[in-house]
Protein backbone atom coordinates (compact mmCIF):
# COMPACT_ATOMS: atom_id res chain seq x y z
CA ALA A 1 0.00 0.00 0.00
CA GLY A 2 2.81 2.44 0.81
CA LEU A 3 4.55 1.98 -2.54
CA GLN A 4 1.32 2.48 -4.47
CA ALA A 5 0.52 5.67 -2.54
CA GLY A 6 4.02 7.01 -3.17
CA LEU A 7 3.70 6.40 -6.90
CA GLU A 8 0.25 7.97 -7.03
CA ASN A 9 1.17 11.14 -5.14
CA ARG A 10 4.57 11.32 -6.88
CA THR A 11 6.68 11.28 -3.72
CA LEU A 12 8.25 8.07 -5.05
CA ARG A 13 9.64 8.45 -8.57
CA PRO A 14 11.79 5.55 -9.76
CA ILE A 15 14.49 6.33 -12.31
CA ILE A 16 14.14 4.24 -15.46
CA GLY A 17 17.48 3.47 -17.06
CA ARG A 18 16.27 1.57 -20.11
CA GLU A 19 13.35 -0.42 -21.51
CA PHE A 20 13.72 -3.78 -23.25
CA ARG A 21 11.21 -6.09 -24.91
CA LEU A 22 10.72 -9.37 -23.08
CA ASP A 23 12.52 -11.24 -25.87
CA GLU A 24 15.55 -9.01 -25.15
CA ALA A 25 15.80 -10.18 -21.53
CA PRO A 26 19.32 -11.60 -22.00
CA GLN A 27 20.55 -8.20 -23.26
CA ALA A 28 18.78 -6.49 -20.35
CA HIS A 29 20.59 -8.77 -17.92
CA GLU A 30 23.94 -7.91 -19.53
CA LYS A 31 23.12 -4.20 -19.24
CA ILE A 32 22.48 -4.58 -15.50
CA LEU A 33 25.90 -6.18 -15.05
CA GLU A 34 27.78 -3.38 -16.87
CA PRO A 35 29.86 -0.99 -14.78
CA GLY A 36 28.01 2.28 -14.30
CA ALA A 37 24.55 0.76 -14.79
CA PHE A 38 22.00 3.29 -13.56
CA GLY A 39 18.26 3.25 -13.03
CA LYS A 40 15.68 0.51 -13.32
CA ILE A 41 15.51 -1.88 -16.26
CA ILE A 42 11.97 -2.34 -17.57
CA LEU A 43 10.88 -5.44 -19.53
CA THR A 44 7.81 -4.96 -21.73
CA PRO A 45 5.75 -7.62 -23.56
């Protein structure tokens, strides 16, 4: 409940580093392991 409220009232704003399609999951995993990786990795259908 706390996370949802924070997202709704914009007190919690996650930083998105990059979006990948689900079929690109292996590349997304490699990106996470790179030095200097920043932000959240999003997988989309």
